[in-house]
Protein backbone atom coordinates (compact mmCIF):
# COMPACT_ATOMS: atom_id res chain seq x y z
CA UNK A 1 12.53 5.44 -19.79
CA UNK A 2 11.09 3.09 -17.21
CA UNK A 3 7.53 3.32 -15.96
CA UNK A 4 6.62 4.21 -12.39
CA UNK A 5 5.50 0.65 -11.70
CA UNK A 6 8.92 -0.67 -12.65
CA UNK A 7 10.61 1.91 -10.46
CA UNK A 8 8.45 0.84 -7.48
CA UNK A 9 9.37 -2.86 -8.09
CA UNK A 10 13.10 -1.89 -8.19
CA UNK A 11 12.75 0.09 -4.94
CA UNK A 12 10.94 -2.81 -3.19
CA UNK A 13 13.65 -5.28 -4.28
CA UNK A 14 16.41 -2.94 -3.14
CA UNK A 15 14.84 -2.26 0.28
CA UNK A 16 14.25 -5.93 0.98
CA UNK A 17 17.81 -6.77 -0.13
CA UNK A 18 19.36 -4.02 2.01
CA UNK A 19 17.22 -4.40 5.11
CA UNK A 20 16.65 -8.12 5.04
CA UNK A 21 13.50 -10.08 5.71
CA UNK A 22 12.69 -8.28 8.97
CA UNK A 23 10.29 -5.91 7.19
CA UNK A 24 6.57 -6.22 7.59
CA UNK A 25 3.63 -4.34 6.20
CA UNK A 26 5.64 -2.74 3.37
CA UNK A 27 3.60 0.03 1.77
CA UNK A 28 3.96 2.35 -1.18
CA UNK A 29 3.43 5.89 0.11
CA UNK A 30 4.52 8.24 -2.71
CA UNK A 31 5.96 8.14 -6.15
CA UNK A 32 7.32 11.23 -7.91
CA UNK A 33 9.25 11.80 -11.10
CA UNK A 34 11.83 14.55 -10.80
CA UNK A 35 11.33 17.75 -12.77
CA UNK A 36 14.09 16.86 -15.21
CA UNK A 37 12.60 13.37 -15.70
CA UNK A 38 15.82 11.64 -14.68
CA UNK A 39 14.79 10.06 -11.41
CA UNK A 40 11.86 8.45 -9.67
CA UNK A 41 11.59 9.12 -5.92
CA UNK A 42 9.72 6.21 -4.33
CA UNK A 43 8.65 6.58 -0.70
CA UNK A 44 8.03 3.27 1.11
CA UNK A 45 7.04 2.67 4.67
CA UNK A 46 7.29 -0.46 6.79
CA UNK A 47 7.38 -1.92 10.29
CA UNK A 48 10.41 -3.93 11.42
CA UNK A 49 10.09 -7.45 12.64
CA UNK A 50 11.72 -8.09 15.96
CA UNK A 51 10.14 -5.04 17.62
CA UNK A 52 7.96 -5.91 20.55
CA UNK A 53 4.78 -6.23 18.51
CA UNK A 54 3.02 -8.46 21.01
CA UNK A 55 3.58 -5.87 23.78
CA UNK A 56 2.44 -3.07 21.53
CA UNK A 57 -0.67 -4.95 20.66
CA UNK A 58 -1.36 -5.65 24.33
CA UNK A 59 -0.96 -1.94 25.12
CA UNK A 60 -3.03 -1.07 21.97
CA UNK A 61 -0.17 1.09 20.66
CA UNK A 62 0.81 1.13 17.04
CA UNK A 63 4.35 0.37 16.06
CA UNK A 64 6.17 3.35 14.57
CA UNK A 65 6.43 3.19 10.78
CA UNK A 66 9.75 3.81 9.13
CA UNK A 67 9.82 5.81 5.90
CA UNK A 68 12.49 5.55 3.24
CA UNK A 69 12.85 7.36 -0.08
CA UNK A 70 14.50 5.28 -2.78
CA UNK A 71 15.73 7.15 -5.81
CA UNK A 72 15.59 5.09 -9.01
CA UNK A 73 17.06 6.13 -12.39
CA UNK A 74 14.26 6.77 -14.82
CA UNK A 75 16.48 5.64 -17.71
CA UNK A 76 18.13 2.51 -16.38
CA UNK A 77 15.97 1.45 -13.42
CA UNK A 78 19.06 1.29 -11.19
CA UNK A 79 18.71 2.44 -7.59
CA UNK A 80 20.81 5.55 -6.96
CA UNK A 81 20.14 6.16 -3.30
CA UNK A 82 18.09 5.45 -0.23
CA UNK A 83 17.44 8.07 2.46
CA UNK A 84 15.20 8.64 5.45
CA UNK A 85 11.98 10.48 4.59
CA UNK A 86 12.03 13.97 6.09
CA UNK A 87 8.68 15.40 7.15
CA UNK A 88 8.25 19.16 7.21
């Protein structure tokens, strides 16, 4: 079984690989091991480069964060899925 830290590293690599280098301010938000112990759910948030940051800063508005949940196998460390974080 892989440790949570290794699952986070796998999720970070996967997200950067899939979404490219236009991510900024990547943050770990949540980490949770499934009840059956088979999967880590890693929630990451980020800002995208290329958004009008300068204008937002001038207007003193924060850029909206994007949230993704990356599911990582607890046995192999392979990424199984990526989905948009749903807030209740």
